[in-house]
Amino acid sequence: MLRVNHVYLFTDLEGNVPIWEAIMADHEPVVKILADNGATISSSDVGQFSCTAVEQNNLELLKKILYHGGDVTLPKSNGSTALHVAVCEGNTEIVKFLLD
């Protein structure tokens, strides 16, 4: 098994880690390979990822963030959380999910 100094932990200029890019693109085999080799979504801005999922009205993406160890209650850099975004957008399904 090839490991290249934990490259999968590095963020790009937008703060994204490889596993987030794979999750967003729905590349499940790539997500599995990265996760099996220690990649974690929590090594980056999970608050931003969670807000992005809510902005896209994508409950499944939010669930994937949780599944891969992300804390969807964390704020992004401006202090907003996924719950703030869901409330502002009137997304009752995601608000209920986040409150559970």
N, C-alpha and C. Protein backbone atom coordinates (compact mmCIF):
# COMPACT_ATOMS: atom_id res chain seq x y z
N MET A 1 0.84 -1.18 0.00
CA MET A 1 0.00 0.00 0.00
C MET A 1 0.89 1.24 0.00
N LEU A 2 0.56 2.16 -0.87
CA LEU A 2 1.35 3.37 -1.04
C LEU A 2 0.77 4.51 -0.21
N ARG A 3 1.58 5.09 0.62
CA ARG A 3 1.18 6.28 1.37
C ARG A 3 2.20 7.37 1.07
N VAL A 4 1.72 8.53 0.75
CA VAL A 4 2.60 9.62 0.39
C VAL A 4 2.48 10.72 1.43
N ASN A 5 3.08 10.50 2.56
CA ASN A 5 3.12 11.49 3.63
C ASN A 5 1.76 12.11 3.96
N HIS A 6 0.75 11.29 3.97
CA HIS A 6 -0.59 11.75 4.36
C HIS A 6 -1.08 12.93 3.52
N VAL A 7 -0.83 12.85 2.22
CA VAL A 7 -1.24 13.91 1.30
C VAL A 7 -2.74 14.16 1.38
N TYR A 8 -3.50 13.12 1.70
CA TYR A 8 -4.96 13.25 1.74
C TYR A 8 -5.44 14.16 2.86
N LEU A 9 -4.56 14.63 3.73
CA LEU A 9 -4.93 15.55 4.81
C LEU A 9 -4.78 17.01 4.40
N PHE A 10 -4.06 17.28 3.32
CA PHE A 10 -3.80 18.65 2.89
C PHE A 10 -5.04 19.28 2.29
N THR A 11 -5.16 20.57 2.49
CA THR A 11 -6.28 21.30 1.90
C THR A 11 -5.80 22.08 0.68
N ASP A 12 -6.75 22.32 -0.24
CA ASP A 12 -6.42 23.17 -1.37
C ASP A 12 -6.63 24.63 -0.97
N LEU A 13 -6.54 25.54 -1.91
CA LEU A 13 -6.67 26.96 -1.60
C LEU A 13 -8.06 27.34 -1.08
N GLU A 14 -9.06 26.50 -1.35
CA GLU A 14 -10.41 26.76 -0.87
C GLU A 14 -10.71 26.03 0.43
N GLY A 15 -9.72 25.33 0.98
CA GLY A 15 -9.90 24.63 2.24
C GLY A 15 -10.47 23.23 2.11
N ASN A 16 -10.51 22.71 0.90
CA ASN A 16 -11.07 21.37 0.68
C ASN A 16 -10.02 20.29 0.80
N VAL A 17 -10.41 19.17 1.38
CA VAL A 17 -9.54 18.00 1.46
C VAL A 17 -10.02 17.00 0.41
N PRO A 18 -9.14 16.09 -0.03
CA PRO A 18 -9.51 15.14 -1.08
C PRO A 18 -10.78 14.34 -0.79
N ILE A 19 -10.99 13.91 0.44
CA ILE A 19 -12.18 13.11 0.72
C ILE A 19 -13.45 13.93 0.51
N TRP A 20 -13.41 15.23 0.81
CA TRP A 20 -14.58 16.09 0.57
C TRP A 20 -14.86 16.18 -0.93
N GLU A 21 -13.80 16.36 -1.71
CA GLU A 21 -13.96 16.44 -3.17
C GLU A 21 -14.59 15.14 -3.70
N ALA A 22 -14.14 14.01 -3.18
CA ALA A 22 -14.68 12.72 -3.61
C ALA A 22 -16.13 12.55 -3.19
N ILE A 23 -16.46 12.98 -1.97
CA ILE A 23 -17.85 12.90 -1.50
C ILE A 23 -18.74 13.79 -2.36
N MET A 24 -18.31 15.01 -2.63
CA MET A 24 -19.10 15.94 -3.44
C MET A 24 -19.34 15.39 -4.84
N ALA A 25 -18.35 14.71 -5.39
CA ALA A 25 -18.47 14.17 -6.75
C ALA A 25 -19.16 12.81 -6.77
N ASP A 26 -19.52 12.31 -5.58
CA ASP A 26 -20.19 11.01 -5.45
C ASP A 26 -19.33 9.87 -5.99
N HIS A 27 -18.02 9.97 -5.75
CA HIS A 27 -17.07 8.94 -6.16
C HIS A 27 -16.83 7.99 -4.98
N GLU A 28 -17.82 7.15 -4.70
CA GLU A 28 -17.77 6.28 -3.53
C GLU A 28 -16.54 5.38 -3.48
N PRO A 29 -16.08 4.78 -4.60
CA PRO A 29 -14.86 3.96 -4.50
C PRO A 29 -13.65 4.77 -4.05
N VAL A 30 -13.56 6.00 -4.50
CA VAL A 30 -12.44 6.87 -4.10
C VAL A 30 -12.59 7.25 -2.63
N VAL A 31 -13.81 7.57 -2.20
CA VAL A 31 -14.06 7.88 -0.79
C VAL A 31 -13.62 6.72 0.08
N LYS A 32 -13.97 5.51 -0.32
CA LYS A 32 -13.60 4.32 0.46
C LYS A 32 -12.09 4.15 0.55
N ILE A 33 -11.40 4.31 -0.57
CA ILE A 33 -9.94 4.19 -0.57
C ILE A 33 -9.33 5.22 0.37
N LEU A 34 -9.78 6.46 0.27
CA LEU A 34 -9.25 7.51 1.13
C LEU A 34 -9.54 7.23 2.60
N ALA A 35 -10.79 6.86 2.91
CA ALA A 35 -11.17 6.57 4.30
C ALA A 35 -10.39 5.38 4.84
N ASP A 36 -10.23 4.35 4.02
CA ASP A 36 -9.47 3.16 4.45
C ASP A 36 -8.02 3.49 4.76
N ASN A 37 -7.52 4.58 4.18
CA ASN A 37 -6.14 4.99 4.40
C ASN A 37 -6.00 6.15 5.37
N GLY A 38 -7.07 6.40 6.13
CA GLY A 38 -6.99 7.37 7.21
C GLY A 38 -7.47 8.76 6.90
N ALA A 39 -7.97 8.99 5.69
CA ALA A 39 -8.47 10.33 5.38
C ALA A 39 -9.70 10.62 6.22
N THR A 40 -9.82 11.85 6.62
CA THR A 40 -10.95 12.26 7.42
C THR A 40 -11.43 13.63 6.98
N ILE A 41 -12.71 13.80 6.97
CA ILE A 41 -13.29 15.09 6.60
C ILE A 41 -13.07 16.12 7.70
N SER A 42 -12.87 15.67 8.92
CA SER A 42 -12.74 16.58 10.05
C SER A 42 -11.39 17.30 10.10
N SER A 43 -10.49 16.98 9.16
CA SER A 43 -9.21 17.68 9.13
C SER A 43 -9.31 18.99 8.36
N SER A 44 -10.52 19.38 8.00
CA SER A 44 -10.73 20.62 7.26
C SER A 44 -11.93 21.37 7.82
N ASP A 45 -12.49 22.27 7.05
CA ASP A 45 -13.56 23.15 7.51
C ASP A 45 -14.93 22.48 7.37
N VAL A 46 -15.27 21.62 8.29
CA VAL A 46 -16.52 20.88 8.25
C VAL A 46 -17.72 21.83 8.32
N GLY A 47 -17.57 22.93 9.01
CA GLY A 47 -18.64 23.92 9.06
C GLY A 47 -18.99 24.44 7.68
N GLN A 48 -17.96 24.72 6.89
CA GLN A 48 -18.18 25.17 5.51
C GLN A 48 -18.84 24.06 4.69
N PHE A 49 -18.37 22.83 4.85
CA PHE A 49 -18.94 21.72 4.10
C PHE A 49 -20.41 21.53 4.44
N SER A 50 -20.74 21.61 5.72
CA SER A 50 -22.12 21.44 6.16
C SER A 50 -23.02 22.54 5.61
N CYS A 51 -22.53 23.76 5.64
CA CYS A 51 -23.31 24.87 5.09
C CYS A 51 -23.50 24.71 3.59
N THR A 52 -22.48 24.23 2.91
CA THR A 52 -22.59 23.98 1.47
C THR A 52 -23.68 22.96 1.19
N ALA A 53 -23.71 21.89 1.96
CA ALA A 53 -24.73 20.86 1.78
C ALA A 53 -26.12 21.44 1.97
N VAL A 54 -26.30 22.29 2.98
CA VAL A 54 -27.60 22.89 3.24
C VAL A 54 -27.96 23.88 2.13
N GLU A 55 -27.00 24.68 1.70
CA GLU A 55 -27.25 25.64 0.61
C GLU A 55 -27.70 24.92 -0.66
N GLN A 56 -27.21 23.69 -0.85
CA GLN A 56 -27.59 22.89 -2.01
C GLN A 56 -28.86 22.08 -1.75
N ASN A 57 -29.45 22.27 -0.57
CA ASN A 57 -30.64 21.51 -0.17
C ASN A 57 -30.39 20.01 -0.33
N ASN A 58 -29.21 19.59 0.14
CA ASN A 58 -28.77 18.22 -0.08
C ASN A 58 -28.62 17.50 1.26
N LEU A 59 -29.72 16.93 1.73
CA LEU A 59 -29.72 16.22 3.00
C LEU A 59 -28.81 15.00 2.94
N GLU A 60 -28.77 14.32 1.81
CA GLU A 60 -27.90 13.15 1.68
C GLU A 60 -26.43 13.52 1.84
N LEU A 61 -26.03 14.65 1.30
CA LEU A 61 -24.66 15.12 1.46
C LEU A 61 -24.37 15.43 2.92
N LEU A 62 -25.31 16.02 3.61
CA LEU A 62 -25.16 16.30 5.04
C LEU A 62 -24.99 15.00 5.82
N LYS A 63 -25.76 13.99 5.46
CA LYS A 63 -25.65 12.68 6.11
C LYS A 63 -24.28 12.05 5.83
N LYS A 64 -23.75 12.24 4.63
CA LYS A 64 -22.42 11.70 4.30
C LYS A 64 -21.34 12.38 5.13
N ILE A 65 -21.50 13.67 5.36
CA ILE A 65 -20.55 14.39 6.21
C ILE A 65 -20.52 13.76 7.60
N LEU A 66 -21.69 13.50 8.15
CA LEU A 66 -21.79 12.84 9.46
C LEU A 66 -21.18 11.45 9.42
N TYR A 67 -21.52 10.69 8.41
CA TYR A 67 -21.02 9.31 8.28
C TYR A 67 -19.50 9.27 8.28
N HIS A 68 -18.89 10.27 7.67
CA HIS A 68 -17.43 10.30 7.58
C HIS A 68 -16.79 11.08 8.72
N GLY A 69 -17.53 11.26 9.81
CA GLY A 69 -16.95 11.81 11.03
C GLY A 69 -17.01 13.31 11.17
N GLY A 70 -17.72 13.98 10.29
CA GLY A 70 -17.82 15.44 10.38
C GLY A 70 -18.85 15.87 11.40
N ASP A 71 -18.57 16.93 12.11
CA ASP A 71 -19.49 17.50 13.09
C ASP A 71 -20.28 18.61 12.41
N VAL A 72 -21.53 18.33 12.03
CA VAL A 72 -22.34 19.29 11.27
C VAL A 72 -22.84 20.46 12.12
N THR A 73 -22.47 20.51 13.39
CA THR A 73 -22.84 21.64 14.24
C THR A 73 -21.75 22.71 14.28
N LEU A 74 -20.60 22.43 13.70
CA LEU A 74 -19.50 23.39 13.73
C LEU A 74 -19.79 24.59 12.83
N PRO A 75 -19.35 25.77 13.25
CA PRO A 75 -19.55 26.96 12.40
C PRO A 75 -18.49 27.05 11.32
N LYS A 76 -18.84 27.74 10.24
CA LYS A 76 -17.83 28.07 9.25
C LYS A 76 -17.14 29.35 9.70
N SER A 77 -16.21 29.86 8.93
CA SER A 77 -15.36 30.96 9.38
C SER A 77 -16.12 32.23 9.77
N ASN A 78 -17.31 32.45 9.20
CA ASN A 78 -18.06 33.67 9.55
C ASN A 78 -18.99 33.45 10.75
N GLY A 79 -18.97 32.26 11.34
CA GLY A 79 -19.77 31.96 12.51
C GLY A 79 -21.10 31.28 12.21
N SER A 80 -21.50 31.26 10.96
CA SER A 80 -22.76 30.60 10.58
C SER A 80 -22.60 29.09 10.66
N THR A 81 -23.69 28.44 11.03
CA THR A 81 -23.71 26.98 11.06
C THR A 81 -24.71 26.48 10.02
N ALA A 82 -24.71 25.19 9.80
CA ALA A 82 -25.68 24.58 8.89
C ALA A 82 -27.10 24.87 9.37
N LEU A 83 -27.30 24.89 10.68
CA LEU A 83 -28.62 25.19 11.22
C LEU A 83 -29.04 26.62 10.88
N HIS A 84 -28.11 27.58 11.00
CA HIS A 84 -28.41 28.96 10.61
C HIS A 84 -28.89 29.01 9.16
N VAL A 85 -28.14 28.35 8.29
CA VAL A 85 -28.45 28.38 6.86
C VAL A 85 -29.81 27.73 6.60
N ALA A 86 -30.06 26.59 7.22
CA ALA A 86 -31.33 25.89 7.02
C ALA A 86 -32.51 26.74 7.50
N VAL A 87 -32.34 27.41 8.64
CA VAL A 87 -33.41 28.27 9.16
C VAL A 87 -33.64 29.45 8.21
N CYS A 88 -32.57 30.09 7.76
CA CYS A 88 -32.70 31.25 6.86
C CYS A 88 -33.36 30.86 5.54
N GLU A 89 -33.13 29.63 5.10
CA GLU A 89 -33.72 29.18 3.85
C GLU A 89 -35.08 28.52 4.05
N GLY A 90 -35.53 28.42 5.30
CA GLY A 90 -36.83 27.83 5.58
C GLY A 90 -36.90 26.35 5.25
N ASN A 91 -35.77 25.67 5.38
CA ASN A 91 -35.70 24.24 5.03
C ASN A 91 -36.04 23.40 6.27
N THR A 92 -37.33 23.13 6.45
CA THR A 92 -37.78 22.44 7.66
C THR A 92 -37.24 21.02 7.76
N GLU A 93 -37.08 20.33 6.62
CA GLU A 93 -36.57 18.96 6.67
C GLU A 93 -35.15 18.93 7.24
N ILE A 94 -34.31 19.82 6.76
CA ILE A 94 -32.93 19.85 7.26
C ILE A 94 -32.87 20.40 8.68
N VAL A 95 -33.70 21.38 9.01
CA VAL A 95 -33.75 21.88 10.39
C VAL A 95 -34.09 20.73 11.34
N LYS A 96 -35.12 19.95 11.02
CA LYS A 96 -35.49 18.80 11.86
C LYS A 96 -34.34 17.82 11.97
N PHE A 97 -33.69 17.53 10.86
CA PHE A 97 -32.55 16.60 10.88
C PHE A 97 -31.44 17.11 11.79
N LEU A 98 -31.10 18.36 11.67
CA LEU A 98 -30.01 18.94 12.49
C LEU A 98 -30.37 18.99 13.97
N LEU A 99 -31.64 19.19 14.26
CA LEU A 99 -32.05 19.22 15.67
C LEU A 99 -32.08 17.83 16.29
N ASP A 100 -32.27 16.81 15.46
CA ASP A 100 -32.23 15.43 15.96
C ASP A 100 -30.81 15.09 16.28
